[in-house]
């Protein structure tokens, strides 16, 4: 049985300023933590929501919890490990080596967890409707489009249309994806604008003491800071591998 062992956020009405009360899906990574800081600055951050889906390590969830504490909002982690165990074949959930390289490489398809975002968003929308939130925010971005179909604009539009039908007459919840057409470098620039503490985010799929610098998300992270012209405070085991990966992928 899937455990949804979470308490509800206290219901909060829309603010007088018209800002949206927003639940941010936060993994603890650079993208979602930057999004949390953006929402806190520009709208009303209702809380952060994370998922334990049986990923290779849960280290990132500690960073999500720390972000919530820093921003002074509730943090909830939903346990869907039983669902994750059924979504076999991914290097993020199974005993499969995490591939090194750039997301543009074919090998990165090993990091796909089928329907992961669709499942998480469906749960988040149900919670948002029950708790009178106006929006659910997620940090999907253009760099994800190579291999993750549930990060693409077409999916975002289709999911919103589906939820409009699913919640018709009960609630109106907006799917907020401000980065969907942008790059990870754009997120770094936006995160810096909102004083995101990048050193207090975790991206690496391998979950070691430091970022490995070689897996797809480490390569993308390192490249993004370079393209953004923003200092990268991250400590990597292999800080220069990203150059080799980018050249190999031809991006």
Foldseek 3Di string as FASTA:
>chain_A
DFFFPWDAQAADAADPVRFFAEEEAFQQALQRLLVQLVCVVGGHDAEYEYEPQQFPDSVSVVLRCVSCVVSVHYYYYGYGNVVSVVQDQAPGHDVDDFAFFAPLDPVNLSHDRPCVVVVVVVVVLVSCLVRVGAEYEYAQADSVVNRYVCSAPVNQVVSQVVVCVVCPPRGHYYYHHPHSYHAVLVSVLSSVVSVRPNQSGDFASNPDPFRACTGHRSLRVLVSCVVNVHDDPGDHPDSPVSVVRCVVSVD
